[in-house]
Amino acid sequence: GRLGPGRIHHCMRLIGVAEVALEKMCKRTKERVTFGKPISEQSVTQERIAESRIMIDQCRLLTLYAAHKMDVHGNKEARKEIAMIKVAAPNMTCKIIDWAIQAHGAGGVSNDFGLSKMYAQSRTLRLADGPDEVHRNQIARLELKRHN
């Protein structure tokens, strides 16, 4: 319960990082040309951009719901939602940054675009508040209690 506000804060920051990564991906894919056309016109790129928007907004809404539940019912009652965002937000952010790195090619892993640093920091947050498996186990236990 006491860790909830900090975890909400981490997730909000991760959502912001994912937004920046998506913006970088969109700009780069419009500029980068392969086989005579911008890679933004390739279906795989468009799918990744669309999936990124969907995943960011899903995490944003889940984070808002967890914060709302904390405000209304307290940290203990919101522990399932807090655990859910603790798994969802870092994984979502790492996936979107990975796609942005891919869109940048070799430059994506250089220091030129900041994506490798973003990835390292986001991946570290997956470890900072405990492993995903612990959070998933808690989510499962809480869900199983609902179905007695």
N, C-alpha and C. Protein backbone atom coordinates (compact mmCIF):
# COMPACT_ATOMS: atom_id res chain seq x y z
N GLY A 1 0.79 -1.20 0.00
CA GLY A 1 0.00 0.00 0.00
C GLY A 1 0.83 1.26 0.00
N ARG A 2 1.90 1.30 0.78
CA ARG A 2 2.69 2.52 0.90
C ARG A 2 3.46 2.86 -0.37
N LEU A 3 3.65 1.88 -1.25
CA LEU A 3 4.44 2.10 -2.46
C LEU A 3 3.60 2.62 -3.63
N GLY A 4 2.29 2.62 -3.48
CA GLY A 4 1.40 2.98 -4.58
C GLY A 4 1.69 4.31 -5.24
N PRO A 5 1.79 5.41 -4.48
CA PRO A 5 2.03 6.71 -5.12
C PRO A 5 3.32 6.76 -5.93
N GLY A 6 4.37 6.15 -5.43
CA GLY A 6 5.63 6.11 -6.17
C GLY A 6 5.52 5.32 -7.46
N ARG A 7 4.80 4.23 -7.40
CA ARG A 7 4.61 3.41 -8.60
C ARG A 7 3.76 4.13 -9.63
N ILE A 8 2.74 4.85 -9.16
CA ILE A 8 1.93 5.67 -10.08
C ILE A 8 2.83 6.70 -10.76
N HIS A 9 3.70 7.32 -9.97
CA HIS A 9 4.62 8.32 -10.52
C HIS A 9 5.53 7.71 -11.58
N HIS A 10 6.10 6.54 -11.29
CA HIS A 10 6.95 5.86 -12.27
C HIS A 10 6.18 5.59 -13.56
N CYS A 11 4.96 5.14 -13.43
CA CYS A 11 4.16 4.81 -14.62
C CYS A 11 3.82 6.06 -15.43
N MET A 12 3.53 7.14 -14.76
CA MET A 12 3.26 8.40 -15.48
C MET A 12 4.50 8.84 -16.25
N ARG A 13 5.66 8.73 -15.63
CA ARG A 13 6.90 9.09 -16.32
C ARG A 13 7.14 8.17 -17.51
N LEU A 14 6.89 6.89 -17.34
CA LEU A 14 7.09 5.93 -18.44
C LEU A 14 6.15 6.24 -19.61
N ILE A 15 4.95 6.64 -19.32
CA ILE A 15 4.00 7.01 -20.38
C ILE A 15 4.56 8.21 -21.15
N GLY A 16 5.12 9.17 -20.45
CA GLY A 16 5.75 10.32 -21.11
C GLY A 16 6.92 9.91 -21.98
N VAL A 17 7.73 8.99 -21.49
CA VAL A 17 8.87 8.49 -22.27
C VAL A 17 8.37 7.78 -23.53
N ALA A 18 7.32 6.99 -23.38
CA ALA A 18 6.75 6.29 -24.55
C ALA A 18 6.23 7.28 -25.58
N GLU A 19 5.63 8.37 -25.11
CA GLU A 19 5.15 9.41 -26.03
C GLU A 19 6.32 10.00 -26.82
N VAL A 20 7.43 10.27 -26.14
CA VAL A 20 8.60 10.83 -26.81
C VAL A 20 9.15 9.83 -27.83
N ALA A 21 9.23 8.56 -27.44
CA ALA A 21 9.72 7.53 -28.36
C ALA A 21 8.83 7.42 -29.59
N LEU A 22 7.51 7.48 -29.39
CA LEU A 22 6.59 7.42 -30.52
C LEU A 22 6.78 8.63 -31.43
N GLU A 23 6.94 9.79 -30.84
CA GLU A 23 7.16 11.00 -31.65
C GLU A 23 8.44 10.87 -32.48
N LYS A 24 9.51 10.39 -31.85
CA LYS A 24 10.78 10.19 -32.56
C LYS A 24 10.60 9.17 -33.69
N MET A 25 9.86 8.11 -33.42
CA MET A 25 9.63 7.08 -34.43
C MET A 25 8.87 7.67 -35.62
N CYS A 26 7.83 8.43 -35.34
CA CYS A 26 7.03 9.02 -36.42
C CYS A 26 7.87 9.97 -37.28
N LYS A 27 8.62 10.83 -36.62
CA LYS A 27 9.43 11.80 -37.37
C LYS A 27 10.50 11.09 -38.20
N ARG A 28 11.16 10.12 -37.60
CA ARG A 28 12.24 9.41 -38.30
C ARG A 28 11.70 8.60 -39.49
N THR A 29 10.57 7.95 -39.32
CA THR A 29 10.04 7.12 -40.41
C THR A 29 9.53 7.97 -41.58
N LYS A 30 9.19 9.21 -41.31
CA LYS A 30 8.79 10.11 -42.40
C LYS A 30 10.01 10.61 -43.18
N GLU A 31 11.15 10.68 -42.49
CA GLU A 31 12.39 11.17 -43.11
C GLU A 31 13.19 10.06 -43.80
N ARG A 32 13.19 8.89 -43.21
CA ARG A 32 14.06 7.80 -43.67
C ARG A 32 13.42 7.10 -44.87
N VAL A 33 14.19 7.00 -45.96
CA VAL A 33 13.68 6.43 -47.21
C VAL A 33 14.42 5.13 -47.51
N THR A 34 13.65 4.09 -47.82
CA THR A 34 14.21 2.83 -48.29
C THR A 34 13.38 2.38 -49.49
N PHE A 35 14.06 1.82 -50.47
CA PHE A 35 13.40 1.34 -51.69
C PHE A 35 12.53 2.42 -52.33
N GLY A 36 13.01 3.67 -52.25
CA GLY A 36 12.36 4.77 -52.94
C GLY A 36 11.17 5.41 -52.26
N LYS A 37 10.85 5.01 -51.04
CA LYS A 37 9.72 5.65 -50.34
C LYS A 37 10.00 5.71 -48.84
N PRO A 38 9.39 6.67 -48.16
CA PRO A 38 9.60 6.77 -46.71
C PRO A 38 9.12 5.49 -46.01
N ILE A 39 9.86 5.09 -44.98
CA ILE A 39 9.45 3.86 -44.29
C ILE A 39 8.12 4.04 -43.55
N SER A 40 7.68 5.27 -43.39
CA SER A 40 6.36 5.52 -42.78
C SER A 40 5.23 4.98 -43.66
N GLU A 41 5.51 4.72 -44.92
CA GLU A 41 4.49 4.19 -45.83
C GLU A 41 4.45 2.66 -45.84
N GLN A 42 5.37 2.02 -45.15
CA GLN A 42 5.38 0.56 -45.08
C GLN A 42 4.37 0.10 -44.02
N SER A 43 3.69 -0.96 -44.33
CA SER A 43 2.62 -1.41 -43.43
C SER A 43 3.13 -1.83 -42.06
N VAL A 44 4.30 -2.44 -41.99
CA VAL A 44 4.81 -2.84 -40.68
C VAL A 44 5.07 -1.62 -39.80
N THR A 45 5.56 -0.54 -40.41
CA THR A 45 5.79 0.70 -39.66
C THR A 45 4.48 1.29 -39.20
N GLN A 46 3.50 1.31 -40.06
CA GLN A 46 2.19 1.85 -39.70
C GLN A 46 1.54 1.03 -38.59
N GLU A 47 1.70 -0.29 -38.65
CA GLU A 47 1.16 -1.15 -37.58
C GLU A 47 1.83 -0.84 -36.25
N ARG A 48 3.14 -0.65 -36.27
CA ARG A 48 3.87 -0.36 -35.02
C ARG A 48 3.46 1.00 -34.46
N ILE A 49 3.27 1.97 -35.32
CA ILE A 49 2.84 3.29 -34.86
C ILE A 49 1.44 3.20 -34.26
N ALA A 50 0.54 2.50 -34.93
CA ALA A 50 -0.83 2.34 -34.43
C ALA A 50 -0.83 1.58 -33.10
N GLU A 51 -0.09 0.48 -33.03
CA GLU A 51 -0.02 -0.31 -31.79
C GLU A 51 0.57 0.52 -30.67
N SER A 52 1.55 1.35 -30.99
CA SER A 52 2.15 2.21 -29.97
C SER A 52 1.11 3.15 -29.38
N ARG A 53 0.33 3.78 -30.23
CA ARG A 53 -0.71 4.70 -29.75
C ARG A 53 -1.72 3.96 -28.88
N ILE A 54 -2.14 2.78 -29.33
CA ILE A 54 -3.10 1.98 -28.55
C ILE A 54 -2.52 1.63 -27.18
N MET A 55 -1.28 1.14 -27.16
CA MET A 55 -0.67 0.71 -25.90
C MET A 55 -0.46 1.89 -24.94
N ILE A 56 -0.04 3.03 -25.47
CA ILE A 56 0.15 4.20 -24.61
C ILE A 56 -1.18 4.61 -23.98
N ASP A 57 -2.22 4.70 -24.78
CA ASP A 57 -3.50 5.14 -24.25
C ASP A 57 -4.10 4.12 -23.29
N GLN A 58 -3.88 2.83 -23.54
CA GLN A 58 -4.34 1.81 -22.60
C GLN A 58 -3.66 1.99 -21.24
N CYS A 59 -2.35 2.17 -21.27
CA CYS A 59 -1.61 2.36 -20.01
C CYS A 59 -1.99 3.66 -19.32
N ARG A 60 -2.20 4.70 -20.11
CA ARG A 60 -2.61 5.98 -19.52
C ARG A 60 -3.94 5.81 -18.78
N LEU A 61 -4.89 5.15 -19.41
CA LEU A 61 -6.20 4.97 -18.78
C LEU A 61 -6.12 4.06 -17.56
N LEU A 62 -5.34 3.00 -17.65
CA LEU A 62 -5.18 2.11 -16.51
C LEU A 62 -4.49 2.83 -15.35
N THR A 63 -3.53 3.68 -15.65
CA THR A 63 -2.85 4.45 -14.62
C THR A 63 -3.80 5.46 -13.97
N LEU A 64 -4.59 6.12 -14.79
CA LEU A 64 -5.59 7.05 -14.24
C LEU A 64 -6.60 6.32 -13.35
N TYR A 65 -7.01 5.13 -13.78
CA TYR A 65 -7.95 4.35 -12.98
C TYR A 65 -7.32 3.94 -11.65
N ALA A 66 -6.06 3.51 -11.68
CA ALA A 66 -5.38 3.13 -10.44
C ALA A 66 -5.26 4.33 -9.50
N ALA A 67 -4.91 5.49 -10.04
CA ALA A 67 -4.81 6.70 -9.21
C ALA A 67 -6.17 7.08 -8.64
N HIS A 68 -7.20 6.98 -9.46
CA HIS A 68 -8.56 7.29 -8.99
C HIS A 68 -8.97 6.33 -7.87
N LYS A 69 -8.70 5.06 -8.07
CA LYS A 69 -9.06 4.07 -7.05
C LYS A 69 -8.29 4.32 -5.76
N MET A 70 -7.04 4.72 -5.85
CA MET A 70 -6.26 5.07 -4.66
C MET A 70 -6.88 6.25 -3.94
N ASP A 71 -7.27 7.27 -4.71
CA ASP A 71 -7.87 8.47 -4.11
C ASP A 71 -9.19 8.18 -3.43
N VAL A 72 -10.00 7.35 -4.05
CA VAL A 72 -11.35 7.10 -3.55
C VAL A 72 -11.37 6.01 -2.47
N HIS A 73 -10.61 4.93 -2.68
CA HIS A 73 -10.71 3.76 -1.79
C HIS A 73 -9.44 3.48 -0.98
N GLY A 74 -8.35 4.15 -1.29
CA GLY A 74 -7.11 3.93 -0.56
C GLY A 74 -6.17 2.98 -1.29
N ASN A 75 -4.92 3.03 -0.86
CA ASN A 75 -3.86 2.25 -1.51
C ASN A 75 -4.09 0.75 -1.43
N LYS A 76 -4.60 0.29 -0.30
CA LYS A 76 -4.78 -1.16 -0.13
C LYS A 76 -5.82 -1.69 -1.12
N GLU A 77 -6.90 -0.97 -1.30
CA GLU A 77 -7.94 -1.40 -2.23
C GLU A 77 -7.50 -1.30 -3.69
N ALA A 78 -6.51 -0.46 -3.95
CA ALA A 78 -6.04 -0.25 -5.33
C ALA A 78 -4.82 -1.10 -5.65
N ARG A 79 -4.44 -2.01 -4.77
CA ARG A 79 -3.19 -2.73 -4.99
C ARG A 79 -3.18 -3.57 -6.26
N LYS A 80 -4.32 -4.13 -6.66
CA LYS A 80 -4.34 -4.90 -7.91
C LYS A 80 -4.08 -4.00 -9.11
N GLU A 81 -4.74 -2.85 -9.14
CA GLU A 81 -4.56 -1.91 -10.25
C GLU A 81 -3.14 -1.35 -10.28
N ILE A 82 -2.58 -1.12 -9.10
CA ILE A 82 -1.19 -0.63 -9.02
C ILE A 82 -0.25 -1.70 -9.56
N ALA A 83 -0.47 -2.94 -9.19
CA ALA A 83 0.37 -4.03 -9.70
C ALA A 83 0.22 -4.17 -11.21
N MET A 84 -1.00 -3.98 -11.71
CA MET A 84 -1.23 -4.09 -13.15
C MET A 84 -0.46 -3.03 -13.92
N ILE A 85 -0.47 -1.79 -13.44
CA ILE A 85 0.27 -0.75 -14.17
C ILE A 85 1.77 -0.94 -14.03
N LYS A 86 2.18 -1.51 -12.90
CA LYS A 86 3.61 -1.75 -12.69
C LYS A 86 4.14 -2.76 -13.69
N VAL A 87 3.31 -3.66 -14.16
CA VAL A 87 3.71 -4.61 -15.20
C VAL A 87 3.52 -3.98 -16.58
N ALA A 88 2.37 -3.37 -16.79
CA ALA A 88 2.00 -2.89 -18.13
C ALA A 88 2.84 -1.72 -18.62
N ALA A 89 3.05 -0.70 -17.80
CA ALA A 89 3.71 0.52 -18.27
C ALA A 89 5.17 0.31 -18.67
N PRO A 90 6.00 -0.33 -17.85
CA PRO A 90 7.39 -0.52 -18.28
C PRO A 90 7.51 -1.42 -19.52
N ASN A 91 6.70 -2.46 -19.58
CA ASN A 91 6.75 -3.35 -20.75
C ASN A 91 6.32 -2.61 -22.01
N MET A 92 5.26 -1.82 -21.90
CA MET A 92 4.78 -1.03 -23.04
C MET A 92 5.86 -0.07 -23.49
N THR A 93 6.47 0.64 -22.56
CA THR A 93 7.48 1.63 -22.90
C THR A 93 8.69 0.99 -23.56
N CYS A 94 9.16 -0.11 -23.01
CA CYS A 94 10.31 -0.80 -23.60
C CYS A 94 10.00 -1.27 -25.02
N LYS A 95 8.80 -1.76 -25.25
CA LYS A 95 8.41 -2.23 -26.58
C LYS A 95 8.40 -1.08 -27.58
N ILE A 96 7.83 0.05 -27.20
CA ILE A 96 7.74 1.20 -28.10
C ILE A 96 9.13 1.78 -28.37
N ILE A 97 9.96 1.86 -27.35
CA ILE A 97 11.33 2.35 -27.57
C ILE A 97 12.07 1.40 -28.49
N ASP A 98 11.88 0.10 -28.31
CA ASP A 98 12.52 -0.88 -29.18
C ASP A 98 12.11 -0.67 -30.63
N TRP A 99 10.82 -0.43 -30.87
CA TRP A 99 10.36 -0.16 -32.22
C TRP A 99 10.95 1.14 -32.76
N ALA A 100 11.07 2.14 -31.90
CA ALA A 100 11.67 3.41 -32.32
C ALA A 100 13.15 3.21 -32.68
N ILE A 101 13.84 2.43 -31.89
CA ILE A 101 15.24 2.11 -32.19
C ILE A 101 15.33 1.43 -33.55
N GLN A 102 14.46 0.47 -33.79
CA GLN A 102 14.44 -0.25 -35.07
C GLN A 102 14.21 0.72 -36.23
N ALA A 103 13.32 1.67 -36.05
CA ALA A 103 13.01 2.64 -37.10
C ALA A 103 14.20 3.55 -37.40
N HIS A 104 15.07 3.74 -36.41
CA HIS A 104 16.24 4.59 -36.59
C HIS A 104 17.43 3.82 -37.15
N GLY A 105 17.33 2.51 -37.25
CA GLY A 105 18.46 1.73 -37.72
C GLY A 105 19.59 1.76 -36.72
N ALA A 106 20.81 1.72 -37.22
CA ALA A 106 21.99 1.71 -36.34
C ALA A 106 22.05 2.96 -35.48
N GLY A 107 21.50 4.07 -35.97
CA GLY A 107 21.49 5.30 -35.17
C GLY A 107 20.68 5.16 -33.90
N GLY A 108 19.74 4.25 -33.90
CA GLY A 108 18.88 4.05 -32.74
C GLY A 108 19.62 3.57 -31.50
N VAL A 109 20.73 2.86 -31.70
CA VAL A 109 21.50 2.38 -30.56
C VAL A 109 22.69 3.28 -30.25
N SER A 110 22.84 4.34 -31.02
CA SER A 110 23.91 5.31 -30.75
C SER A 110 23.41 6.32 -29.71
N ASN A 111 24.26 7.25 -29.37
CA ASN A 111 23.87 8.32 -28.45
C ASN A 111 23.21 9.49 -29.18
N ASP A 112 23.10 9.41 -30.49
CA ASP A 112 22.61 10.53 -31.30
C ASP A 112 21.14 10.86 -31.08
N PHE A 113 20.33 9.87 -30.79
CA PHE A 113 18.88 10.09 -30.69
C PHE A 113 18.33 9.92 -29.28
N GLY A 114 19.14 9.46 -28.36
CA GLY A 114 18.71 9.31 -26.97
C GLY A 114 17.86 8.09 -26.68
N LEU A 115 17.63 7.27 -27.69
CA LEU A 115 16.75 6.12 -27.50
C LEU A 115 17.38 5.02 -26.66
N SER A 116 18.68 4.80 -26.83
CA SER A 116 19.31 3.74 -26.04
C SER A 116 19.31 4.09 -24.56
N LYS A 117 19.50 5.36 -24.24
CA LYS A 117 19.43 5.80 -22.84
C LYS A 117 18.01 5.66 -22.30
N MET A 118 17.02 6.04 -23.13
CA MET A 118 15.62 5.89 -22.73
C MET A 118 15.30 4.43 -22.44
N TYR A 119 15.80 3.54 -23.30
CA TYR A 119 15.53 2.11 -23.11
C TYR A 119 16.16 1.61 -21.81
N ALA A 120 17.42 1.97 -21.58
CA ALA A 120 18.12 1.50 -20.38
C ALA A 120 17.41 1.98 -19.11
N GLN A 121 16.98 3.23 -19.10
CA GLN A 121 16.29 3.76 -17.92
C GLN A 121 14.92 3.10 -17.74
N SER A 122 14.21 2.89 -18.82
CA SER A 122 12.89 2.26 -18.73
C SER A 122 13.00 0.81 -18.30
N ARG A 123 13.99 0.12 -18.81
CA ARG A 123 14.20 -1.28 -18.43
C ARG A 123 14.58 -1.38 -16.96
N THR A 124 15.34 -0.42 -16.48
CA THR A 124 15.72 -0.40 -15.07
C THR A 124 14.50 -0.27 -14.17
N LEU A 125 13.51 0.52 -14.58
CA LEU A 125 12.29 0.67 -13.77
C LEU A 125 11.52 -0.64 -13.66
N ARG A 126 11.68 -1.54 -14.64
CA ARG A 126 11.03 -2.85 -14.52
C ARG A 126 11.62 -3.63 -13.35
N LEU A 127 12.84 -3.31 -12.99
CA LEU A 127 13.50 -4.00 -11.88
C LEU A 127 13.31 -3.27 -10.55
N ALA A 128 13.19 -1.95 -10.62
CA ALA A 128 13.21 -1.12 -9.40
C ALA A 128 12.11 -1.47 -8.42
N ASP A 129 10.92 -1.73 -8.87
CA ASP A 129 9.80 -2.00 -7.97
C ASP A 129 9.47 -3.49 -7.87
N GLY A 130 10.42 -4.32 -8.20
CA GLY A 130 10.21 -5.76 -8.09
C GLY A 130 9.93 -6.38 -9.45
N PRO A 131 10.20 -7.66 -9.57
CA PRO A 131 10.02 -8.34 -10.85
C PRO A 131 8.55 -8.46 -11.25
N ASP A 132 8.32 -8.47 -12.56
CA ASP A 132 6.96 -8.60 -13.09
C ASP A 132 6.25 -9.83 -12.55
N GLU A 133 6.99 -10.91 -12.37
CA GLU A 133 6.38 -12.16 -11.90
C GLU A 133 5.72 -11.99 -10.54
N VAL A 134 6.34 -11.21 -9.66
CA VAL A 134 5.77 -10.96 -8.34
C VAL A 134 4.45 -10.20 -8.47
N HIS A 135 4.45 -9.19 -9.32
CA HIS A 135 3.23 -8.40 -9.53
C HIS A 135 2.14 -9.23 -10.20
N ARG A 136 2.52 -10.05 -11.15
CA ARG A 136 1.52 -10.92 -11.81
C ARG A 136 0.93 -11.92 -10.83
N ASN A 137 1.76 -12.46 -9.94
CA ASN A 137 1.26 -13.40 -8.93
C ASN A 137 0.26 -12.70 -8.01
N GLN A 138 0.57 -11.47 -7.61
CA GLN A 138 -0.35 -10.72 -6.75
C GLN A 138 -1.67 -10.46 -7.49
N ILE A 139 -1.58 -10.05 -8.74
CA ILE A 139 -2.79 -9.81 -9.54
C ILE A 139 -3.63 -11.07 -9.60
N ALA A 140 -3.00 -12.20 -9.87
CA ALA A 140 -3.72 -13.47 -9.97
C ALA A 140 -4.38 -13.85 -8.65
N ARG A 141 -3.65 -13.70 -7.54
CA ARG A 141 -4.23 -14.02 -6.22
C ARG A 141 -5.44 -13.16 -5.93
N LEU A 142 -5.32 -11.86 -6.20
CA LEU A 142 -6.44 -10.95 -5.95
C LEU A 142 -7.64 -11.25 -6.86
N GLU A 143 -7.34 -11.62 -8.08
CA GLU A 143 -8.42 -11.97 -9.00
C GLU A 143 -9.10 -13.28 -8.59
N LEU A 144 -8.31 -14.23 -8.14
CA LEU A 144 -8.87 -15.52 -7.70
C LEU A 144 -9.77 -15.34 -6.48
N LYS A 145 -9.41 -14.42 -5.58
CA LYS A 145 -10.24 -14.14 -4.41
C LYS A 145 -11.64 -13.68 -4.81
N ARG A 146 -11.71 -12.95 -5.89
CA ARG A 146 -13.00 -12.43 -6.36
C ARG A 146 -13.94 -13.53 -6.81
N HIS A 147 -13.39 -14.69 -7.11
CA HIS A 147 -14.19 -15.76 -7.70
C HIS A 147 -14.33 -16.97 -6.77
N ASN A 148 -14.46 -16.71 -5.49
CA ASN A 148 -14.66 -17.80 -4.51
C ASN A 148 -16.10 -18.28 -4.54
